[in-house]
Amino acid sequence: MEQPMREEVLSLCKILDDKKAVDIKALYVADKTIVADWFVVCSGRSSVQVKTLCDELEDKAAAMGRTVLRKEGYNEGRWIVLDFGDILVHIFHPDERQYYHLERLWEDSGCINYSEEYGNE
Protein backbone atom coordinates (compact mmCIF):
# COMPACT_ATOMS: atom_id res chain seq x y z
CA MET A 1 0.00 0.00 0.00
CA GLU A 2 1.70 3.17 -1.19
CA GLN A 3 1.74 5.90 1.46
CA PRO A 4 1.16 8.87 -0.93
CA MET A 5 -1.90 7.16 -2.40
CA ARG A 6 -3.20 6.31 1.08
CA GLU A 7 -2.84 9.96 2.10
CA GLU A 8 -4.73 11.06 -1.00
CA VAL A 9 -7.53 8.62 -0.23
CA LEU A 10 -7.69 9.96 3.34
CA SER A 11 -7.90 13.50 1.93
CA LEU A 12 -10.91 12.51 -0.16
CA CYS A 13 -12.46 10.91 2.92
CA LYS A 14 -11.93 14.13 4.87
CA ILE A 15 -13.73 16.15 2.20
CA LEU A 16 -16.70 13.79 2.54
CA ASP A 17 -16.52 13.89 6.33
CA ASP A 18 -16.48 17.69 6.35
CA LYS A 19 -19.77 17.60 4.40
CA LYS A 20 -21.25 15.18 6.97
CA ALA A 21 -21.10 11.95 4.98
CA VAL A 22 -21.98 8.89 7.06
CA ASP A 23 -19.97 5.70 7.65
CA ILE A 24 -16.99 6.52 5.43
CA LYS A 25 -14.76 3.57 4.58
CA ALA A 26 -11.66 3.35 2.40
CA LEU A 27 -11.03 -0.11 1.01
CA TYR A 28 -7.70 -1.17 -0.46
CA VAL A 29 -8.65 -3.44 -3.38
CA ALA A 30 -5.57 -3.43 -5.63
CA ASP A 31 -4.86 -7.08 -4.82
CA LYS A 32 -8.44 -8.12 -5.72
CA THR A 33 -9.36 -6.20 -8.87
CA ILE A 34 -7.86 -4.30 -11.77
CA VAL A 35 -10.69 -1.74 -11.71
CA ALA A 36 -9.04 0.46 -9.06
CA ASP A 37 -6.55 0.42 -6.19
CA TRP A 38 -8.98 1.95 -3.70
CA PHE A 39 -12.73 2.17 -3.16
CA VAL A 40 -14.13 4.89 -0.94
CA VAL A 41 -17.64 4.12 0.27
CA CYS A 42 -19.94 6.46 2.17
CA SER A 43 -23.57 7.45 2.59
CA GLY A 44 -25.57 10.62 2.52
CA ARG A 45 -28.76 10.92 4.53
CA SER A 46 -30.93 11.79 1.50
CA SER A 47 -30.73 12.00 -2.29
CA VAL A 48 -30.06 15.73 -1.99
CA GLN A 49 -27.12 15.14 0.35
CA VAL A 50 -25.77 12.36 -1.89
CA LYS A 51 -25.65 14.86 -4.78
CA THR A 52 -24.15 17.56 -2.54
CA LEU A 53 -21.39 15.18 -1.42
CA CYS A 54 -20.66 14.40 -5.06
CA ASP A 55 -20.53 18.09 -6.04
CA GLU A 56 -18.24 18.95 -3.14
CA LEU A 57 -15.92 16.04 -3.82
CA GLU A 58 -15.64 16.93 -7.50
CA ASP A 59 -14.79 20.55 -6.70
CA LYS A 60 -12.26 19.81 -3.96
CA ALA A 61 -10.67 16.89 -5.82
CA ALA A 62 -10.07 19.17 -8.81
CA ALA A 63 -8.22 21.54 -6.49
CA MET A 64 -6.05 18.55 -5.48
CA GLY A 65 -5.27 17.87 -9.14
CA ARG A 66 -7.70 14.96 -9.43
CA THR A 67 -10.06 14.76 -12.41
CA VAL A 68 -13.23 12.71 -12.53
CA LEU A 69 -12.89 10.39 -15.50
CA ARG A 70 -16.47 9.18 -15.28
CA LYS A 71 -19.52 9.81 -13.13
CA GLU A 72 -22.59 7.57 -12.92
CA GLY A 73 -25.88 7.83 -11.04
CA TYR A 74 -25.96 11.57 -10.37
CA ASN A 75 -29.47 12.24 -11.73
CA GLU A 76 -31.08 9.71 -9.40
CA GLY A 77 -28.93 10.55 -6.37
CA ARG A 78 -29.23 7.03 -5.00
CA TRP A 79 -25.77 5.59 -5.78
CA ILE A 80 -23.22 7.86 -7.40
CA VAL A 81 -19.88 6.48 -8.56
CA LEU A 82 -16.99 8.85 -9.23
CA ASP A 83 -14.10 7.33 -11.13
CA PHE A 84 -10.75 8.97 -10.42
CA GLY A 85 -8.83 6.20 -12.21
CA ASP A 86 -7.10 4.42 -9.35
CA ILE A 87 -9.75 5.50 -6.82
CA LEU A 88 -13.49 4.81 -7.15
CA VAL A 89 -15.78 6.73 -4.81
CA HIS A 90 -19.24 5.27 -4.11
CA ILE A 91 -21.72 7.68 -2.52
CA PHE A 92 -24.88 5.88 -1.46
CA HIS A 93 -28.36 6.74 -0.30
CA PRO A 94 -28.83 4.71 2.93
CA ASP A 95 -31.36 2.31 1.34
CA GLU A 96 -29.05 1.41 -1.55
CA ARG A 97 -26.05 1.05 0.74
CA GLN A 98 -27.90 -1.38 2.95
CA TYR A 99 -29.23 -3.35 -0.02
CA TYR A 100 -25.96 -3.69 -1.95
CA HIS A 101 -23.63 -3.72 1.08
CA LEU A 102 -20.70 -3.24 -1.28
CA GLU A 103 -18.02 -3.18 1.39
CA ARG A 104 -18.73 -6.75 2.53
CA LEU A 105 -17.20 -7.94 -0.73
CA TRP A 106 -13.96 -6.01 -0.28
CA GLU A 107 -13.25 -5.03 3.33
CA ASP A 108 -11.22 -8.10 4.27
CA SER A 109 -8.28 -6.89 2.15
CA GLY A 110 -7.64 -3.69 4.04
CA CYS A 111 -10.31 -1.36 5.33
CA ILE A 112 -9.87 2.04 6.90
CA ASN A 113 -13.02 2.92 8.80
CA TYR A 114 -12.53 6.66 8.39
CA SER A 115 -15.62 7.62 10.38
CA GLU A 116 -14.39 5.69 13.44
CA GLU A 117 -10.67 6.46 13.15
CA TYR A 118 -10.63 10.08 11.95
CA GLY A 119 -14.21 11.33 11.60
CA ASN A 120 -16.05 14.25 13.08
CA GLU A 121 -19.09 12.23 14.18
C-alpha atoms as a PDB file:
ATOM      1  CA  MET A   1       0.000   0.000   0.000  1.00  0.00           C
ATOM      2  CA  GLU A   2       1.700   3.171  -1.188  1.00  0.00           C
ATOM      3  CA  GLN A   3       1.744   5.904   1.457  1.00  0.00           C
ATOM      4  CA  PRO A   4       1.163   8.867  -0.927  1.00  0.00           C
ATOM      5  CA  MET A   5      -1.903   7.156  -2.403  1.00  0.00           C
ATOM      6  CA  ARG A   6      -3.196   6.308   1.081  1.00  0.00           C
ATOM      7  CA  GLU A   7      -2.840   9.964   2.102  1.00  0.00           C
ATOM      8  CA  GLU A   8      -4.729  11.062  -1.000  1.00  0.00           C
ATOM      9  CA  VAL A   9      -7.531   8.618  -0.226  1.00  0.00           C
ATOM     10  CA  LEU A  10      -7.687   9.958   3.340  1.00  0.00           C
ATOM     11  CA  SER A  11      -7.896  13.497   1.934  1.00  0.00           C
ATOM     12  CA  LEU A  12     -10.906  12.509  -0.157  1.00  0.00           C
ATOM     13  CA  CYS A  13     -12.463  10.913   2.920  1.00  0.00           C
ATOM     14  CA  LYS A  14     -11.933  14.129   4.875  1.00  0.00           C
ATOM     15  CA  ILE A  15     -13.735  16.146   2.198  1.00  0.00           C
ATOM     16  CA  LEU A  16     -16.703  13.794   2.538  1.00  0.00           C
ATOM     17  CA  ASP A  17     -16.522  13.887   6.330  1.00  0.00           C
ATOM     18  CA  ASP A  18     -16.476  17.691   6.353  1.00  0.00           C
ATOM     19  CA  LYS A  19     -19.769  17.601   4.401  1.00  0.00           C
ATOM     20  CA  LYS A  20     -21.253  15.177   6.972  1.00  0.00           C
ATOM     21  CA  ALA A  21     -21.099  11.950   4.980  1.00  0.00           C
ATOM     22  CA  VAL A  22     -21.981   8.894   7.060  1.00  0.00           C
ATOM     23  CA  ASP A  23     -19.973   5.700   7.652  1.00  0.00           C
ATOM     24  CA  ILE A  24     -16.994   6.516   5.427  1.00  0.00           C
ATOM     25  CA  LYS A  25     -14.756   3.573   4.575  1.00  0.00           C
ATOM     26  CA  ALA A  26     -11.661   3.355   2.396  1.00  0.00           C
ATOM     27  CA  LEU A  27     -11.029  -0.110   1.009  1.00  0.00           C
ATOM     28  CA  TYR A  28      -7.701  -1.168  -0.462  1.00  0.00           C
ATOM     29  CA  VAL A  29      -8.653  -3.436  -3.379  1.00  0.00           C
ATOM     30  CA  ALA A  30      -5.568  -3.432  -5.626  1.00  0.00           C
ATOM     31  CA  ASP A  31      -4.861  -7.078  -4.815  1.00  0.00           C
ATOM     32  CA  LYS A  32      -8.437  -8.121  -5.718  1.00  0.00           C
ATOM     33  CA  THR A  33      -9.364  -6.204  -8.871  1.00  0.00           C
ATOM     34  CA  ILE A  34      -7.862  -4.300 -11.775  1.00  0.00           C
ATOM     35  CA  VAL A  35     -10.685  -1.743 -11.709  1.00  0.00           C
ATOM     36  CA  ALA A  36      -9.036   0.463  -9.060  1.00  0.00           C
ATOM     37  CA  ASP A  37      -6.554   0.425  -6.195  1.00  0.00           C
ATOM     38  CA  TRP A  38      -8.980   1.954  -3.698  1.00  0.00           C
ATOM     39  CA  PHE A  39     -12.729   2.165  -3.157  1.00  0.00           C
ATOM     40  CA  VAL A  40     -14.128   4.888  -0.939  1.00  0.00           C
ATOM     41  CA  VAL A  41     -17.643   4.119   0.269  1.00  0.00           C
ATOM     42  CA  CYS A  42     -19.940   6.463   2.172  1.00  0.00           C
ATOM     43  CA  SER A  43     -23.575   7.447   2.587  1.00  0.00           C
ATOM     44  CA  GLY A  44     -25.572  10.623   2.516  1.00  0.00           C
ATOM     45  CA  ARG A  45     -28.759  10.919   4.525  1.00  0.00           C
ATOM     46  CA  SER A  46     -30.932  11.793   1.503  1.00  0.00           C
ATOM     47  CA  SER A  47     -30.734  11.999  -2.292  1.00  0.00           C
ATOM     48  CA  VAL A  48     -30.058  15.727  -1.994  1.00  0.00           C
ATOM     49  CA  GLN A  49     -27.120  15.136   0.354  1.00  0.00           C
ATOM     50  CA  VAL A  50     -25.766  12.358  -1.889  1.00  0.00           C
ATOM     51  CA  LYS A  51     -25.646  14.865  -4.775  1.00  0.00           C
ATOM     52  CA  THR A  52     -24.154  17.560  -2.535  1.00  0.00           C
ATOM     53  CA  LEU A  53     -21.395  15.181  -1.416  1.00  0.00           C
ATOM     54  CA  CYS A  54     -20.663  14.401  -5.065  1.00  0.00           C
ATOM     55  CA  ASP A  55     -20.528  18.087  -6.039  1.00  0.00           C
ATOM     56  CA  GLU A  56     -18.240  18.950  -3.141  1.00  0.00           C
ATOM     57  CA  LEU A  57     -15.915  16.042  -3.817  1.00  0.00           C
ATOM     58  CA  GLU A  58     -15.642  16.926  -7.500  1.00  0.00           C
ATOM     59  CA  ASP A  59     -14.791  20.552  -6.702  1.00  0.00           C
ATOM     60  CA  LYS A  60     -12.257  19.813  -3.964  1.00  0.00           C
ATOM     61  CA  ALA A  61     -10.668  16.888  -5.824  1.00  0.00           C
ATOM     62  CA  ALA A  62     -10.074  19.166  -8.806  1.00  0.00           C
ATOM     63  CA  ALA A  63      -8.216  21.543  -6.486  1.00  0.00           C
ATOM     64  CA  MET A  64      -6.053  18.546  -5.479  1.00  0.00           C
ATOM     65  CA  GLY A  65      -5.271  17.875  -9.142  1.00  0.00           C
ATOM     66  CA  ARG A  66      -7.704  14.956  -9.428  1.00  0.00           C
ATOM     67  CA  THR A  67     -10.057  14.762 -12.407  1.00  0.00           C
ATOM     68  CA  VAL A  68     -13.234  12.713 -12.528  1.00  0.00           C
ATOM     69  CA  LEU A  69     -12.888  10.390 -15.499  1.00  0.00           C
ATOM     70  CA  ARG A  70     -16.470   9.177 -15.279  1.00  0.00           C
ATOM     71  CA  LYS A  71     -19.524   9.808 -13.135  1.00  0.00           C
ATOM     72  CA  GLU A  72     -22.594   7.573 -12.922  1.00  0.00           C
ATOM     73  CA  GLY A  73     -25.878   7.833 -11.036  1.00  0.00           C
ATOM     74  CA  TYR A  74     -25.956  11.566 -10.374  1.00  0.00           C
ATOM     75  CA  ASN A  75     -29.465  12.242 -11.729  1.00  0.00           C
ATOM     76  CA  GLU A  76     -31.078   9.712  -9.401  1.00  0.00           C
ATOM     77  CA  GLY A  77     -28.927  10.547  -6.371  1.00  0.00           C
ATOM     78  CA  ARG A  78     -29.230   7.032  -5.004  1.00  0.00           C
ATOM     79  CA  TRP A  79     -25.767   5.591  -5.781  1.00  0.00           C
ATOM     80  CA  ILE A  80     -23.219   7.858  -7.397  1.00  0.00           C
ATOM     81  CA  VAL A  81     -19.882   6.484  -8.561  1.00  0.00           C
ATOM     82  CA  LEU A  82     -16.986   8.851  -9.229  1.00  0.00           C
ATOM     83  CA  ASP A  83     -14.095   7.326 -11.134  1.00  0.00           C
ATOM     84  CA  PHE A  84     -10.750   8.975 -10.423  1.00  0.00           C
ATOM     85  CA  GLY A  85      -8.832   6.199 -12.209  1.00  0.00           C
ATOM     86  CA  ASP A  86      -7.100   4.416  -9.355  1.00  0.00           C
ATOM     87  CA  ILE A  87      -9.750   5.498  -6.822  1.00  0.00           C
ATOM     88  CA  LEU A  88     -13.489   4.815  -7.155  1.00  0.00           C
ATOM     89  CA  VAL A  89     -15.780   6.733  -4.810  1.00  0.00           C
ATOM     90  CA  HIS A  90     -19.235   5.266  -4.113  1.00  0.00           C
ATOM     91  CA  ILE A  91     -21.716   7.681  -2.523  1.00  0.00           C
ATOM     92  CA  PHE A  92     -24.883   5.877  -1.463  1.00  0.00           C
ATOM     93  CA  HIS A  93     -28.356   6.743  -0.303  1.00  0.00           C
ATOM     94  CA  PRO A  94     -28.830   4.705   2.931  1.00  0.00           C
ATOM     95  CA  ASP A  95     -31.355   2.310   1.342  1.00  0.00           C
ATOM     96  CA  GLU A  96     -29.054   1.412  -1.550  1.00  0.00           C
ATOM     97  CA  ARG A  97     -26.053   1.050   0.740  1.00  0.00           C
ATOM     98  CA  GLN A  98     -27.898  -1.380   2.947  1.00  0.00           C
ATOM     99  CA  TYR A  99     -29.234  -3.349  -0.017  1.00  0.00           C
ATOM    100  CA  TYR A 100     -25.961  -3.688  -1.947  1.00  0.00           C
ATOM    101  CA  HIS A 101     -23.626  -3.721   1.080  1.00  0.00           C
ATOM    102  CA  LEU A 102     -20.702  -3.241  -1.282  1.00  0.00           C
ATOM    103  CA  GLU A 103     -18.019  -3.181   1.385  1.00  0.00           C
ATOM    104  CA  ARG A 104     -18.726  -6.747   2.534  1.00  0.00           C
ATOM    105  CA  LEU A 105     -17.199  -7.944  -0.732  1.00  0.00           C
ATOM    106  CA  TRP A 106     -13.963  -6.008  -0.280  1.00  0.00           C
ATOM    107  CA  GLU A 107     -13.255  -5.026   3.326  1.00  0.00           C
ATOM    108  CA  ASP A 108     -11.215  -8.098   4.271  1.00  0.00           C
ATOM    109  CA  SER A 109      -8.283  -6.892   2.151  1.00  0.00           C
ATOM    110  CA  GLY A 110      -7.644  -3.688   4.041  1.00  0.00           C
ATOM    111  CA  CYS A 111     -10.306  -1.360   5.335  1.00  0.00           C
ATOM    112  CA  ILE A 112      -9.866   2.043   6.895  1.00  0.00           C
ATOM    113  CA  ASN A 113     -13.019   2.917   8.798  1.00  0.00           C
ATOM    114  CA  TYR A 114     -12.535   6.662   8.391  1.00  0.00           C
ATOM    115  CA  SER A 115     -15.617   7.624  10.385  1.00  0.00           C
ATOM    116  CA  GLU A 116     -14.390   5.693  13.438  1.00  0.00           C
ATOM    117  CA  GLU A 117     -10.674   6.462  13.154  1.00  0.00           C
ATOM    118  CA  TYR A 118     -10.626  10.079  11.951  1.00  0.00           C
ATOM    119  CA  GLY A 119     -14.212  11.328  11.603  1.00  0.00           C
ATOM    120  CA  ASN A 120     -16.050  14.249  13.081  1.00  0.00           C
ATOM    121  CA  GLU A 121     -19.091  12.232  14.175  1.00  0.00           C
END
